[in-house]
């Protein structure tokens, strides 16, 4: 009877430790998966920041171009007014 109880206890301990090892392996897998996702998130954030900088640069160039065009148009208008006033 003692051997049967000992065997049951031994089987239980073996199953218990196997389960612990299985859960530790799952935990490690999930940790690696999380780290990979965090790395991808960092890359996406860096790409978004880069794209925002590029977009702002294009917006600044467009605004600068628009201001230059308006200045040219104003000068043309002023010159046309001067030309008509001088006559």
C-alpha atoms as a PDB file:
ATOM      1  CA  UNK A   1       0.000   0.000   0.000  1.00  0.00           C
ATOM      2  CA  UNK A   2       2.868   2.324   0.882  1.00  0.00           C
ATOM      3  CA  UNK A   3       4.426   1.737  -2.569  1.00  0.00           C
ATOM      4  CA  UNK A   4       1.183   2.601  -4.311  1.00  0.00           C
ATOM      5  CA  UNK A   5       0.928   5.875  -2.377  1.00  0.00           C
ATOM      6  CA  UNK A   6       4.571   6.590  -3.082  1.00  0.00           C
ATOM      7  CA  UNK A   7       4.070   5.916  -6.784  1.00  0.00           C
ATOM      8  CA  UNK A   8       1.001   8.176  -6.874  1.00  0.00           C
ATOM      9  CA  UNK A   9       2.926  10.926  -5.131  1.00  0.00           C
ATOM     10  CA  UNK A  10       5.829  10.488  -7.519  1.00  0.00           C
ATOM     11  CA  UNK A  11       3.508  10.544 -10.562  1.00  0.00           C
ATOM     12  CA  UNK A  12       1.784  13.649  -9.212  1.00  0.00           C
ATOM     13  CA  UNK A  13       5.127  15.398  -8.688  1.00  0.00           C
ATOM     14  CA  UNK A  14       6.308  14.455 -12.168  1.00  0.00           C
ATOM     15  CA  UNK A  15       3.077  15.753 -13.709  1.00  0.00           C
ATOM     16  CA  UNK A  16       3.268  18.872 -11.536  1.00  0.00           C
ATOM     17  CA  UNK A  17       6.829  19.673 -12.622  1.00  0.00           C
ATOM     18  CA  UNK A  18       5.996  18.970 -16.273  1.00  0.00           C
ATOM     19  CA  UNK A  19       3.124  21.427 -16.026  1.00  0.00           C
ATOM     20  CA  UNK A  20       5.423  24.014 -14.450  1.00  0.00           C
ATOM     21  CA  UNK A  21       7.955  23.537 -17.260  1.00  0.00           C
ATOM     22  CA  UNK A  22       5.183  23.824 -19.848  1.00  0.00           C
ATOM     23  CA  UNK A  23       3.902  27.048 -18.287  1.00  0.00           C
ATOM     24  CA  UNK A  24       7.423  28.472 -18.051  1.00  0.00           C
ATOM     25  CA  UNK A  25       7.963  27.693 -21.742  1.00  0.00           C
ATOM     26  CA  UNK A  26       4.660  29.401 -22.594  1.00  0.00           C
ATOM     27  CA  UNK A  27       5.644  32.392 -20.482  1.00  0.00           C
ATOM     28  CA  UNK A  28       8.991  32.656 -22.292  1.00  0.00           C
ATOM     29  CA  UNK A  29       7.252  32.384 -25.681  1.00  0.00           C
ATOM     30  CA  UNK A  30       4.808  35.145 -24.730  1.00  0.00           C
ATOM     31  CA  UNK A  31       7.674  37.319 -23.452  1.00  0.00           C
ATOM     32  CA  UNK A  32       9.528  36.956 -26.750  1.00  0.00           C
ATOM     33  CA  UNK A  33       6.335  37.645 -28.673  1.00  0.00           C
ATOM     34  CA  UNK A  34       5.719  40.797 -26.606  1.00  0.00           C
ATOM     35  CA  UNK A  35       9.286  41.999 -27.146  1.00  0.00           C
ATOM     36  CA  UNK A  36       8.928  41.493 -30.895  1.00  0.00           C
ATOM     37  CA  UNK A  37       5.653  43.423 -30.936  1.00  0.00           C
ATOM     38  CA  UNK A  38       7.181  46.228 -28.851  1.00  0.00           C
ATOM     39  CA  UNK A  39      10.063  46.408 -31.309  1.00  0.00           C
ATOM     40  CA  UNK A  40       7.637  46.605 -34.236  1.00  0.00           C
ATOM     41  CA  UNK A  41       5.698  49.316 -32.401  1.00  0.00           C
ATOM     42  CA  UNK A  42       8.905  51.319 -31.907  1.00  0.00           C
ATOM     43  CA  UNK A  43       9.694  50.972 -35.616  1.00  0.00           C
ATOM     44  CA  UNK A  44       6.179  52.150 -36.518  1.00  0.00           C
ATOM     45  CA  UNK A  45       6.469  55.136 -34.172  1.00  0.00           C
ATOM     46  CA  UNK A  46       9.818  56.066 -35.727  1.00  0.00           C
ATOM     47  CA  UNK A  47       8.333  55.771 -39.226  1.00  0.00           C
ATOM     48  CA  UNK A  48       5.367  57.959 -38.223  1.00  0.00           C
ATOM     49  CA  UNK A  49       7.737  60.581 -36.800  1.00  0.00           C
ATOM     50  CA  UNK A  50       9.817  60.507 -39.993  1.00  0.00           C
ATOM     51  CA  UNK A  51       6.710  60.851 -42.162  1.00  0.00           C
ATOM     52  CA  UNK A  52       5.421  63.765 -40.072  1.00  0.00           C
ATOM     53  CA  UNK A  53       8.744  65.559 -40.507  1.00  0.00           C
ATOM     54  CA  UNK A  54       8.646  64.910 -44.265  1.00  0.00           C
ATOM     55  CA  UNK A  55       5.047  66.113 -44.499  1.00  0.00           C
ATOM     56  CA  UNK A  56       5.803  69.296 -42.570  1.00  0.00           C
ATOM     57  CA  UNK A  57       8.778  69.924 -44.831  1.00  0.00           C
ATOM     58  CA  UNK A  58       6.548  69.633 -47.907  1.00  0.00           C
ATOM     59  CA  UNK A  59       3.927  71.871 -46.297  1.00  0.00           C
ATOM     60  CA  UNK A  60       6.595  74.496 -45.527  1.00  0.00           C
ATOM     61  CA  UNK A  61       7.880  74.357 -49.107  1.00  0.00           C
ATOM     62  CA  UNK A  62       4.331  74.659 -50.459  1.00  0.00           C
ATOM     63  CA  UNK A  63       3.578  77.617 -48.173  1.00  0.00           C
ATOM     64  CA  UNK A  64       6.871  79.289 -49.122  1.00  0.00           C
ATOM     65  CA  UNK A  65       6.099  78.751 -52.803  1.00  0.00           C
ATOM     66  CA  UNK A  66       2.591  80.173 -52.365  1.00  0.00           C
ATOM     67  CA  UNK A  67       3.930  83.264 -50.575  1.00  0.00           C
ATOM     68  CA  UNK A  68       6.514  83.802 -53.318  1.00  0.00           C
ATOM     69  CA  UNK A  69       3.784  83.486 -55.964  1.00  0.00           C
ATOM     70  CA  UNK A  70       1.553  85.957 -54.117  1.00  0.00           C
ATOM     71  CA  UNK A  71       4.449  88.391 -53.771  1.00  0.00           C
ATOM     72  CA  UNK A  72       5.111  88.170 -57.519  1.00  0.00           C
ATOM     73  CA  UNK A  73       1.431  88.753 -58.264  1.00  0.00           C
ATOM     74  CA  UNK A  74       1.349  91.758 -55.914  1.00  0.00           C
ATOM     75  CA  UNK A  75       4.435  93.217 -57.587  1.00  0.00           C
ATOM     76  CA  UNK A  76       2.848  92.724 -61.015  1.00  0.00           C
ATOM     77  CA  UNK A  77      -0.295  94.454 -59.802  1.00  0.00           C
ATOM     78  CA  UNK A  78       1.684  97.314 -58.260  1.00  0.00           C
ATOM     79  CA  UNK A  79       3.735  97.688 -61.442  1.00  0.00           C
ATOM     80  CA  UNK A  80       0.584  97.759 -63.539  1.00  0.00           C
ATOM     81  CA  UNK A  81      -0.853 100.449 -61.258  1.00  0.00           C
ATOM     82  CA  UNK A  82       2.376 102.455 -61.532  1.00  0.00           C
ATOM     83  CA  UNK A  83       2.368 102.034 -65.305  1.00  0.00           C
ATOM     84  CA  UNK A  84      -1.186 103.362 -65.580  1.00  0.00           C
ATOM     85  CA  UNK A  85      -0.486 106.175 -63.116  1.00  0.00           C
ATOM     86  CA  UNK A  86       2.666 107.311 -64.925  1.00  0.00           C
ATOM     87  CA  UNK A  87       0.859 107.675 -68.295  1.00  0.00           C
END
